[in-house]
Amino acid sequence: MERFDRMENIFGKPEEKKIITLDGERLYDNQDLYFLFHICKRTLQRYRTHGGLKSIKWQQKTYYKESDVKKFIEEQAEKKQRKFI
């Protein structure tokens, strides 16, 4: 969750980046998640196809619901905890 706080510091100013919402829920694009997870394009694609990260295509662009991103982070954290137990 600390990364979401960091992301708010980076993207929090509406005049710098337009915040897109769907049904009152914030949508993130690929670039947002590159910065959030510190990953490359291919890794994000792998998360979508094999890792269970849900996405939405709209006007030839990929978006991610904030709730889906949080759920993905929690699932990954649980997997890592189970791995060490």
C-alpha atoms as a PDB file:
ATOM      1  CA  MET A   1       0.000   0.000   0.000  1.00  0.00           C
ATOM      2  CA  GLU A   2       2.996   2.302   0.438  1.00  0.00           C
ATOM      3  CA  ARG A   3       3.420   2.261  -3.317  1.00  0.00           C
ATOM      4  CA  PHE A   4      -0.100   3.651  -3.750  1.00  0.00           C
ATOM      5  CA  ASP A   5       0.874   6.522  -1.443  1.00  0.00           C
ATOM      6  CA  ARG A   6       3.998   7.108  -3.506  1.00  0.00           C
ATOM      7  CA  MET A   7       1.906   7.011  -6.661  1.00  0.00           C
ATOM      8  CA  GLU A   8      -0.429   9.649  -5.215  1.00  0.00           C
ATOM      9  CA  ASN A   9       2.614  11.875  -4.692  1.00  0.00           C
ATOM     10  CA  ILE A  10       3.683  11.361  -8.293  1.00  0.00           C
ATOM     11  CA  PHE A  11       0.278  11.577  -9.998  1.00  0.00           C
ATOM     12  CA  GLY A  12      -1.750  13.378  -7.373  1.00  0.00           C
ATOM     13  CA  LYS A  13      -1.890  16.745  -9.141  1.00  0.00           C
ATOM     14  CA  PRO A  14      -4.847  16.738 -11.563  1.00  0.00           C
ATOM     15  CA  GLU A  15      -3.342  19.493 -13.700  1.00  0.00           C
ATOM     16  CA  GLU A  16      -0.337  17.296 -14.530  1.00  0.00           C
ATOM     17  CA  LYS A  17      -2.224  14.115 -15.410  1.00  0.00           C
ATOM     18  CA  LYS A  18      -5.909  13.678 -15.997  1.00  0.00           C
ATOM     19  CA  ILE A  19      -7.451  11.125 -13.638  1.00  0.00           C
ATOM     20  CA  ILE A  20      -9.775   8.728 -15.428  1.00  0.00           C
ATOM     21  CA  THR A  21     -12.597   7.051 -13.536  1.00  0.00           C
ATOM     22  CA  LEU A  22     -15.148   4.363 -14.339  1.00  0.00           C
ATOM     23  CA  ASP A  23     -18.236   4.110 -12.126  1.00  0.00           C
ATOM     24  CA  GLY A  24     -16.465   6.280  -9.556  1.00  0.00           C
ATOM     25  CA  GLU A  25     -13.380   4.044  -9.478  1.00  0.00           C
ATOM     26  CA  ARG A  26      -9.982   5.291 -10.598  1.00  0.00           C
ATOM     27  CA  LEU A  27      -8.410   3.688 -13.659  1.00  0.00           C
ATOM     28  CA  TYR A  28      -4.662   3.309 -14.121  1.00  0.00           C
ATOM     29  CA  ASP A  29      -2.959   2.973 -17.484  1.00  0.00           C
ATOM     30  CA  ASN A  30       0.156   0.988 -18.353  1.00  0.00           C
ATOM     31  CA  GLN A  31       2.512   3.853 -17.561  1.00  0.00           C
ATOM     32  CA  ASP A  32       1.021   4.239 -14.087  1.00  0.00           C
ATOM     33  CA  LEU A  33       1.695   0.574 -13.336  1.00  0.00           C
ATOM     34  CA  TYR A  34       5.230   0.712 -14.756  1.00  0.00           C
ATOM     35  CA  PHE A  35       6.017   3.338 -12.136  1.00  0.00           C
ATOM     36  CA  LEU A  36       4.011   1.679  -9.387  1.00  0.00           C
ATOM     37  CA  PHE A  37       5.579  -1.772  -9.739  1.00  0.00           C
ATOM     38  CA  HIS A  38       8.953  -0.670 -11.183  1.00  0.00           C
ATOM     39  CA  ILE A  39       8.580  -3.090 -14.092  1.00  0.00           C
ATOM     40  CA  CYS A  40       8.916  -3.109 -17.878  1.00  0.00           C
ATOM     41  CA  LYS A  41       6.219  -3.468 -20.542  1.00  0.00           C
ATOM     42  CA  ARG A  42       6.785  -7.195 -21.015  1.00  0.00           C
ATOM     43  CA  THR A  43       6.446  -7.946 -17.301  1.00  0.00           C
ATOM     44  CA  LEU A  44       3.162  -6.077 -17.146  1.00  0.00           C
ATOM     45  CA  GLN A  45       1.933  -8.010 -20.158  1.00  0.00           C
ATOM     46  CA  ARG A  46       2.918 -11.237 -18.399  1.00  0.00           C
ATOM     47  CA  TYR A  47       0.952 -10.171 -15.298  1.00  0.00           C
ATOM     48  CA  ARG A  48      -2.112  -9.647 -17.500  1.00  0.00           C
ATOM     49  CA  THR A  49      -1.873 -12.920 -19.387  1.00  0.00           C
ATOM     50  CA  HIS A  50      -0.598 -15.298 -16.705  1.00  0.00           C
ATOM     51  CA  GLY A  51      -0.604 -13.509 -13.367  1.00  0.00           C
ATOM     52  CA  GLY A  52      -4.271 -12.689 -12.963  1.00  0.00           C
ATOM     53  CA  LEU A  53      -4.125  -8.904 -13.318  1.00  0.00           C
ATOM     54  CA  LYS A  54      -7.456  -7.888 -14.845  1.00  0.00           C
ATOM     55  CA  SER A  55      -7.516  -5.154 -17.458  1.00  0.00           C
ATOM     56  CA  ILE A  56      -9.989  -3.196 -19.565  1.00  0.00           C
ATOM     57  CA  LYS A  57      -9.448  -2.171 -23.195  1.00  0.00           C
ATOM     58  CA  TRP A  58     -10.928   1.186 -24.148  1.00  0.00           C
ATOM     59  CA  GLN A  59     -10.129   3.123 -27.324  1.00  0.00           C
ATOM     60  CA  GLN A  60      -7.119   0.903 -28.058  1.00  0.00           C
ATOM     61  CA  LYS A  61      -5.630   1.564 -24.623  1.00  0.00           C
ATOM     62  CA  THR A  62      -5.347  -0.733 -21.618  1.00  0.00           C
ATOM     63  CA  TYR A  63      -6.619   0.373 -18.219  1.00  0.00           C
ATOM     64  CA  TYR A  64      -6.723  -1.260 -14.802  1.00  0.00           C
ATOM     65  CA  LYS A  65      -9.324  -0.675 -12.094  1.00  0.00           C
ATOM     66  CA  GLU A  66      -7.860   0.423  -8.784  1.00  0.00           C
ATOM     67  CA  SER A  67      -9.671  -2.410  -6.979  1.00  0.00           C
ATOM     68  CA  ASP A  68      -8.203  -4.984  -9.380  1.00  0.00           C
ATOM     69  CA  VAL A  69      -4.701  -3.595  -8.864  1.00  0.00           C
ATOM     70  CA  LYS A  70      -5.087  -3.720  -5.080  1.00  0.00           C
ATOM     71  CA  LYS A  71      -6.435  -7.271  -5.285  1.00  0.00           C
ATOM     72  CA  PHE A  72      -3.479  -8.296  -7.469  1.00  0.00           C
ATOM     73  CA  ILE A  73      -1.007  -6.810  -4.978  1.00  0.00           C
ATOM     74  CA  GLU A  74      -2.677  -8.594  -2.070  1.00  0.00           C
ATOM     75  CA  GLU A  75      -2.671 -11.927  -3.936  1.00  0.00           C
ATOM     76  CA  GLN A  76       1.014 -11.575  -4.756  1.00  0.00           C
ATOM     77  CA  ALA A  77       1.808 -10.734  -1.131  1.00  0.00           C
ATOM     78  CA  GLU A  78      -0.094 -13.822   0.041  1.00  0.00           C
ATOM     79  CA  LYS A  79       1.800 -16.028  -2.413  1.00  0.00           C
ATOM     80  CA  LYS A  80       5.116 -14.730  -1.107  1.00  0.00           C
ATOM     81  CA  GLN A  81       4.052 -15.249   2.513  1.00  0.00           C
ATOM     82  CA  ARG A  82       2.988 -18.842   1.800  1.00  0.00           C
ATOM     83  CA  LYS A  83       6.304 -19.436   0.069  1.00  0.00           C
ATOM     84  CA  PHE A  84       8.251 -18.514   3.216  1.00  0.00           C
ATOM     85  CA  ILE A  85       6.073 -20.443   5.663  1.00  0.00           C
END
